[in-house]
Amino acid sequence: MVTLSQVVAPKKKALEAALMVLDDQMAKLRQKRAELKEVTDKLDALNDDLDNKQTEKQVSRQFPSIYC
């Protein structure tokens, strides 16, 4: 006869292994999200800089005497 602990023990081990894998994958995901945030922040800064330069260029074309 199979006891309850004989059925549950392997499942507990499998659960522990799966949780360890999950923890590892979640750590990797957090790292990648942090890297993505850095890239996104840099991209936002570059886009802001581009917008400012385009505005400045537009203004300089409208009022060339100010920038001469």
PDB file of N, CA and C in Angstrom:
ATOM      1  N   MET A   1       0.844  -1.187   0.000  1.00  0.00           N
ATOM      2  CA  MET A   1       0.000   0.000   0.000  1.00  0.00           C
ATOM      3  C   MET A   1       0.889   1.250   0.000  1.00  0.00           C
ATOM      4  N   VAL A   2       0.479   2.229  -0.758  1.00  0.00           N
ATOM      5  CA  VAL A   2       1.222   3.477  -0.883  1.00  0.00           C
ATOM      6  C   VAL A   2       0.699   4.447   0.169  1.00  0.00           C
ATOM      7  N   THR A   3       1.647   5.033   0.910  1.00  0.00           N
ATOM      8  CA  THR A   3       1.244   5.986   1.947  1.00  0.00           C
ATOM      9  C   THR A   3       1.153   7.385   1.353  1.00  0.00           C
ATOM     10  N   LEU A   4       0.500   8.210   2.085  1.00  0.00           N
ATOM     11  CA  LEU A   4       0.343   9.594   1.653  1.00  0.00           C
ATOM     12  C   LEU A   4       1.695  10.287   1.510  1.00  0.00           C
ATOM     13  N   SER A   5       2.599  10.035   2.448  1.00  0.00           N
ATOM     14  CA  SER A   5       3.908  10.682   2.382  1.00  0.00           C
ATOM     15  C   SER A   5       4.703  10.215   1.164  1.00  0.00           C
ATOM     16  N   GLN A   6       4.487   8.990   0.696  1.00  0.00           N
ATOM     17  CA  GLN A   6       5.172   8.508  -0.494  1.00  0.00           C
ATOM     18  C   GLN A   6       4.672   9.234  -1.749  1.00  0.00           C
ATOM     19  N   VAL A   7       3.442   9.650  -1.727  1.00  0.00           N
ATOM     20  CA  VAL A   7       2.879  10.374  -2.860  1.00  0.00           C
ATOM     21  C   VAL A   7       3.269  11.846  -2.792  1.00  0.00           C
ATOM     22  N   VAL A   8       3.257  12.406  -1.608  1.00  0.00           N
ATOM     23  CA  VAL A   8       3.477  13.836  -1.431  1.00  0.00           C
ATOM     24  C   VAL A   8       4.955  14.208  -1.509  1.00  0.00           C
ATOM     25  N   ALA A   9       5.836  13.378  -0.977  1.00  0.00           N
ATOM     26  CA  ALA A   9       7.264  13.711  -0.918  1.00  0.00           C
ATOM     27  C   ALA A   9       7.854  14.060  -2.283  1.00  0.00           C
ATOM     28  N   PRO A  10       7.653  13.265  -3.322  1.00  0.00           N
ATOM     29  CA  PRO A  10       8.218  13.639  -4.625  1.00  0.00           C
ATOM     30  C   PRO A  10       7.609  14.936  -5.172  1.00  0.00           C
ATOM     31  N   LYS A  11       6.358  15.156  -4.885  1.00  0.00           N
ATOM     32  CA  LYS A  11       5.713  16.380  -5.342  1.00  0.00           C
ATOM     33  C   LYS A  11       6.279  17.594  -4.617  1.00  0.00           C
ATOM     34  N   LYS A  12       6.596  17.445  -3.345  1.00  0.00           N
ATOM     35  CA  LYS A  12       7.218  18.543  -2.601  1.00  0.00           C
ATOM     36  C   LYS A  12       8.593  18.856  -3.168  1.00  0.00           C
ATOM     37  N   LYS A  13       9.347  17.811  -3.489  1.00  0.00           N
ATOM     38  CA  LYS A  13      10.675  18.026  -4.072  1.00  0.00           C
ATOM     39  C   LYS A  13      10.560  18.726  -5.425  1.00  0.00           C
ATOM     40  N   ALA A  14       9.607  18.290  -6.226  1.00  0.00           N
ATOM     41  CA  ALA A  14       9.410  18.918  -7.532  1.00  0.00           C
ATOM     42  C   ALA A  14       8.992  20.377  -7.353  1.00  0.00           C
ATOM     43  N   LEU A  15       8.134  20.645  -6.380  1.00  0.00           N
ATOM     44  CA  LEU A  15       7.711  22.013  -6.105  1.00  0.00           C
ATOM     45  C   LEU A  15       8.891  22.867  -5.676  1.00  0.00           C
ATOM     46  N   GLU A  16       9.725  22.354  -4.794  1.00  0.00           N
ATOM     47  CA  GLU A  16      10.904  23.100  -4.343  1.00  0.00           C
ATOM     48  C   GLU A  16      11.830  23.413  -5.521  1.00  0.00           C
ATOM     49  N   ALA A  17      12.024  22.432  -6.388  1.00  0.00           N
ATOM     50  CA  ALA A  17      12.887  22.650  -7.556  1.00  0.00           C
ATOM     51  C   ALA A  17      12.275  23.705  -8.475  1.00  0.00           C
ATOM     52  N   ALA A  18      10.978  23.621  -8.686  1.00  0.00           N
ATOM     53  CA  ALA A  18      10.311  24.595  -9.544  1.00  0.00           C
ATOM     54  C   ALA A  18      10.382  25.988  -8.948  1.00  0.00           C
ATOM     55  N   LEU A  19      10.235  26.095  -7.641  1.00  0.00           N
ATOM     56  CA  LEU A  19      10.321  27.405  -6.984  1.00  0.00           C
ATOM     57  C   LEU A  19      11.720  27.988  -7.084  1.00  0.00           C
ATOM     58  N   MET A  20      12.735  27.133  -7.012  1.00  0.00           N
ATOM     59  CA  MET A  20      14.113  27.611  -7.164  1.00  0.00           C
ATOM     60  C   MET A  20      14.334  28.147  -8.580  1.00  0.00           C
ATOM     61  N   VAL A  21      13.821  27.427  -9.558  1.00  0.00           N
ATOM     62  CA  VAL A  21      13.935  27.882 -10.949  1.00  0.00           C
ATOM     63  C   VAL A  21      13.182  29.197 -11.120  1.00  0.00           C
ATOM     64  N   LEU A  22      11.999  29.277 -10.544  1.00  0.00           N
ATOM     65  CA  LEU A  22      11.207  30.504 -10.626  1.00  0.00           C
ATOM     66  C   LEU A  22      11.950  31.678 -10.007  1.00  0.00           C
ATOM     67  N   ASP A  23      12.528  31.478  -8.834  1.00  0.00           N
ATOM     68  CA  ASP A  23      13.285  32.556  -8.182  1.00  0.00           C
ATOM     69  C   ASP A  23      14.440  33.023  -9.067  1.00  0.00           C
ATOM     70  N   ASP A  24      15.133  32.081  -9.670  1.00  0.00           N
ATOM     71  CA  ASP A  24      16.252  32.423 -10.554  1.00  0.00           C
ATOM     72  C   ASP A  24      15.758  33.217 -11.759  1.00  0.00           C
ATOM     73  N   GLN A  25      14.691  32.765 -12.358  1.00  0.00           N
ATOM     74  CA  GLN A  25      14.150  33.451 -13.531  1.00  0.00           C
ATOM     75  C   GLN A  25      13.613  34.837 -13.174  1.00  0.00           C
ATOM     76  N   MET A  26      13.004  34.960 -12.011  1.00  0.00           N
ATOM     77  CA  MET A  26      12.501  36.265 -11.582  1.00  0.00           C
ATOM     78  C   MET A  26      13.651  37.238 -11.343  1.00  0.00           C
ATOM     79  N   ALA A  27      14.759  36.754 -10.810  1.00  0.00           N
ATOM     80  CA  ALA A  27      15.933  37.607 -10.615  1.00  0.00           C
ATOM     81  C   ALA A  27      16.463  38.087 -11.968  1.00  0.00           C
ATOM     82  N   LYS A  28      16.507  37.182 -12.935  1.00  0.00           N
ATOM     83  CA  LYS A  28      16.952  37.568 -14.279  1.00  0.00           C
ATOM     84  C   LYS A  28      15.997  38.587 -14.889  1.00  0.00           C
ATOM     85  N   LEU A  29      14.709  38.372 -14.671  1.00  0.00           N
ATOM     86  CA  LEU A  29      13.709  39.304 -15.201  1.00  0.00           C
ATOM     87  C   LEU A  29      13.874  40.687 -14.577  1.00  0.00           C
ATOM     88  N   ARG A  30      14.090  40.748 -13.268  1.00  0.00           N
ATOM     89  CA  ARG A  30      14.301  42.044 -12.611  1.00  0.00           C
ATOM     90  C   ARG A  30      15.520  42.748 -13.186  1.00  0.00           C
ATOM     91  N   GLN A  31      16.579  42.000 -13.434  1.00  0.00           N
ATOM     92  CA  GLN A  31      17.800  42.577 -14.011  1.00  0.00           C
ATOM     93  C   GLN A  31      17.525  43.134 -15.401  1.00  0.00           C
ATOM     94  N   LYS A  32      16.838  42.378 -16.214  1.00  0.00           N
ATOM     95  CA  LYS A  32      16.534  42.825 -17.575  1.00  0.00           C
ATOM     96  C   LYS A  32      15.603  44.035 -17.562  1.00  0.00           C
ATOM     97  N   ARG A  33      14.668  44.066 -16.630  1.00  0.00           N
ATOM     98  CA  ARG A  33      13.784  45.230 -16.522  1.00  0.00           C
ATOM     99  C   ARG A  33      14.574  46.473 -16.136  1.00  0.00           C
ATOM    100  N   ALA A  34      15.556  46.312 -15.263  1.00  0.00           N
ATOM    101  CA  ALA A  34      16.402  47.440 -14.866  1.00  0.00           C
ATOM    102  C   ALA A  34      17.217  47.930 -16.066  1.00  0.00           C
ATOM    103  N   GLU A  35      17.748  46.989 -16.841  1.00  0.00           N
ATOM    104  CA  GLU A  35      18.504  47.366 -18.031  1.00  0.00           C
ATOM    105  C   GLU A  35      17.599  48.071 -19.040  1.00  0.00           C
ATOM    106  N   LEU A  36      16.399  47.563 -19.201  1.00  0.00           N
ATOM    107  CA  LEU A  36      15.447  48.188 -20.124  1.00  0.00           C
ATOM    108  C   LEU A  36      15.097  49.600 -19.669  1.00  0.00           C
ATOM    109  N   LYS A  37      14.950  49.800 -18.361  1.00  0.00           N
ATOM    110  CA  LYS A  37      14.638  51.132 -17.846  1.00  0.00           C
ATOM    111  C   LYS A  37      15.770  52.099 -18.156  1.00  0.00           C
ATOM    112  N   GLU A  38      17.009  51.657 -18.006  1.00  0.00           N
ATOM    113  CA  GLU A  38      18.154  52.516 -18.335  1.00  0.00           C
ATOM    114  C   GLU A  38      18.121  52.927 -19.804  1.00  0.00           C
ATOM    115  N   VAL A  39      17.872  51.961 -20.679  1.00  0.00           N
ATOM    116  CA  VAL A  39      17.835  52.259 -22.112  1.00  0.00           C
ATOM    117  C   VAL A  39      16.663  53.187 -22.427  1.00  0.00           C
ATOM    118  N   THR A  40      15.526  52.926 -21.828  1.00  0.00           N
ATOM    119  CA  THR A  40      14.342  53.760 -22.052  1.00  0.00           C
ATOM    120  C   THR A  40      14.580  55.183 -21.565  1.00  0.00           C
ATOM    121  N   ASP A  41      15.217  55.321 -20.407  1.00  0.00           N
ATOM    122  CA  ASP A  41      15.526  56.656 -19.887  1.00  0.00           C
ATOM    123  C   ASP A  41      16.476  57.405 -20.826  1.00  0.00           C
ATOM    124  N   LYS A  42      17.488  56.701 -21.339  1.00  0.00           N
ATOM    125  CA  LYS A  42      18.422  57.333 -22.278  1.00  0.00           C
ATOM    126  C   LYS A  42      17.701  57.741 -23.555  1.00  0.00           C
ATOM    127  N   LEU A  43      16.822  56.882 -24.030  1.00  0.00           N
ATOM    128  CA  LEU A  43      16.062  57.196 -25.237  1.00  0.00           C
ATOM    129  C   LEU A  43      15.160  58.400 -25.016  1.00  0.00           C
ATOM    130  N   ASP A  44      14.516  58.464 -23.865  1.00  0.00           N
ATOM    131  CA  ASP A  44      13.675  59.617 -23.542  1.00  0.00           C
ATOM    132  C   ASP A  44      14.497  60.907 -23.521  1.00  0.00           C
ATOM    133  N   ALA A  45      15.691  60.834 -22.938  1.00  0.00           N
ATOM    134  CA  ALA A  45      16.558  62.014 -22.889  1.00  0.00           C
ATOM    135  C   ALA A  45      16.978  62.437 -24.296  1.00  0.00           C
ATOM    136  N   LEU A  46      17.296  61.465 -25.130  1.00  0.00           N
ATOM    137  CA  LEU A  46      17.673  61.788 -26.507  1.00  0.00           C
ATOM    138  C   LEU A  46      16.499  62.382 -27.277  1.00  0.00           C
ATOM    139  N   ASN A  47      15.316  61.850 -27.061  1.00  0.00           N
ATOM    140  CA  ASN A  47      14.132  62.404 -27.726  1.00  0.00           C
ATOM    141  C   ASN A  47      13.850  63.828 -27.256  1.00  0.00           C
ATOM    142  N   ASP A  48      14.021  64.080 -25.973  1.00  0.00           N
ATOM    143  CA  ASP A  48      13.842  65.445 -25.449  1.00  0.00           C
ATOM    144  C   ASP A  48      14.855  66.389 -26.079  1.00  0.00           C
ATOM    145  N   ASP A  49      16.094  65.936 -26.167  1.00  0.00           N
ATOM    146  CA  ASP A  49      17.142  66.751 -26.775  1.00  0.00           C
ATOM    147  C   ASP A  49      16.822  67.028 -28.246  1.00  0.00           C
ATOM    148  N   LEU A  50      16.350  66.015 -28.951  1.00  0.00           N
ATOM    149  CA  LEU A  50      15.971  66.190 -30.351  1.00  0.00           C
ATOM    150  C   LEU A  50      14.837  67.206 -30.482  1.00  0.00           C
ATOM    151  N   ASP A  51      13.833  67.086 -29.644  1.00  0.00           N
ATOM    152  CA  ASP A  51      12.712  68.034 -29.678  1.00  0.00           C
ATOM    153  C   ASP A  51      13.195  69.461 -29.434  1.00  0.00           C
ATOM    154  N   ASN A  52      14.087  69.625 -28.454  1.00  0.00           N
ATOM    155  CA  ASN A  52      14.623  70.961 -28.159  1.00  0.00           C
ATOM    156  C   ASN A  52      15.403  71.517 -29.342  1.00  0.00           C
ATOM    157  N   LYS A  53      16.214  70.691 -29.955  1.00  0.00           N
ATOM    158  CA  LYS A  53      17.017  71.153 -31.093  1.00  0.00           C
ATOM    159  C   LYS A  53      16.129  71.485 -32.284  1.00  0.00           C
ATOM    160  N   GLN A  54      15.091  70.682 -32.495  1.00  0.00           N
ATOM    161  CA  GLN A  54      14.185  70.976 -33.604  1.00  0.00           C
ATOM    162  C   GLN A  54      13.431  72.277 -33.356  1.00  0.00           C
ATOM    163  N   THR A  55      13.017  72.502 -32.135  1.00  0.00           N
ATOM    164  CA  THR A  55      12.341  73.751 -31.787  1.00  0.00           C
ATOM    165  C   THR A  55      13.286  74.930 -31.977  1.00  0.00           C
ATOM    166  N   GLU A  56      14.512  74.769 -31.503  1.00  0.00           N
ATOM    167  CA  GLU A  56      15.515  75.826 -31.644  1.00  0.00           C
ATOM    168  C   GLU A  56      15.770  76.135 -33.122  1.00  0.00           C
ATOM    169  N   LYS A  57      15.841  75.104 -33.928  1.00  0.00           N
ATOM    170  CA  LYS A  57      16.075  75.297 -35.359  1.00  0.00           C
ATOM    171  C   LYS A  57      14.890  76.023 -36.004  1.00  0.00           C
ATOM    172  N   GLN A  58      13.696  75.636 -35.598  1.00  0.00           N
ATOM    173  CA  GLN A  58      12.497  76.271 -36.130  1.00  0.00           C
ATOM    174  C   GLN A  58      12.456  77.761 -35.760  1.00  0.00           C
ATOM    175  N   VAL A  59      12.796  78.053 -34.518  1.00  0.00           N
ATOM    176  CA  VAL A  59      12.797  79.446 -34.059  1.00  0.00           C
ATOM    177  C   VAL A  59      13.880  80.233 -34.786  1.00  0.00           C
ATOM    178  N   SER A  60      15.043  79.622 -34.978  1.00  0.00           N
ATOM    179  CA  SER A  60      16.136  80.342 -35.648  1.00  0.00           C
ATOM    180  C   SER A  60      15.789  80.638 -37.100  1.00  0.00           C
ATOM    181  N   ARG A  61      14.968  79.814 -37.716  1.00  0.00           N
ATOM    182  CA  ARG A  61      14.537  80.099 -39.092  1.00  0.00           C
ATOM    183  C   ARG A  61      13.507  81.224 -39.119  1.00  0.00           C
ATOM    184  N   GLN A  62      12.694  81.299 -38.079  1.00  0.00           N
ATOM    185  CA  GLN A  62      11.685  82.347 -38.024  1.00  0.00           C
ATOM    186  C   GLN A  62      12.280  83.695 -37.647  1.00  0.00           C
ATOM    187  N   PHE A  63      13.297  83.665 -36.785  1.00  0.00           N
ATOM    188  CA  PHE A  63      13.919  84.896 -36.309  1.00  0.00           C
ATOM    189  C   PHE A  63      15.427  84.808 -36.483  1.00  0.00           C
ATOM    190  N   PRO A  64      15.926  84.883 -37.690  1.00  0.00           N
ATOM    191  CA  PRO A  64      17.375  84.697 -37.928  1.00  0.00           C
ATOM    192  C   PRO A  64      18.245  85.758 -37.291  1.00  0.00           C
ATOM    193  N   SER A  65      17.737  86.965 -37.075  1.00  0.00           N
ATOM    194  CA  SER A  65      18.569  88.034 -36.505  1.00  0.00           C
ATOM    195  C   SER A  65      18.958  87.751 -35.068  1.00  0.00           C
ATOM    196  N   ILE A  66      18.173  87.001 -34.341  1.00  0.00           N
ATOM    197  CA  ILE A  66      18.472  86.682 -32.939  1.00  0.00           C
ATOM    198  C   ILE A  66      19.677  85.741 -32.849  1.00  0.00           C
ATOM    199  N   TYR A  67      19.831  84.854 -33.805  1.00  0.00           N
ATOM    200  CA  TYR A  67      20.861  83.846 -33.746  1.00  0.00           C
ATOM    201  C   TYR A  67      22.105  84.190 -34.548  1.00  0.00           C
ATOM    202  N   CYS A  68      22.183  85.360 -35.106  1.00  0.00           N
ATOM    203  CA  CYS A  68      23.357  85.760 -35.894  1.00  0.00           C
ATOM    204  C   CYS A  68      24.417  86.385 -35.024  1.00  0.00           C
TER     205      CYS A  68
END
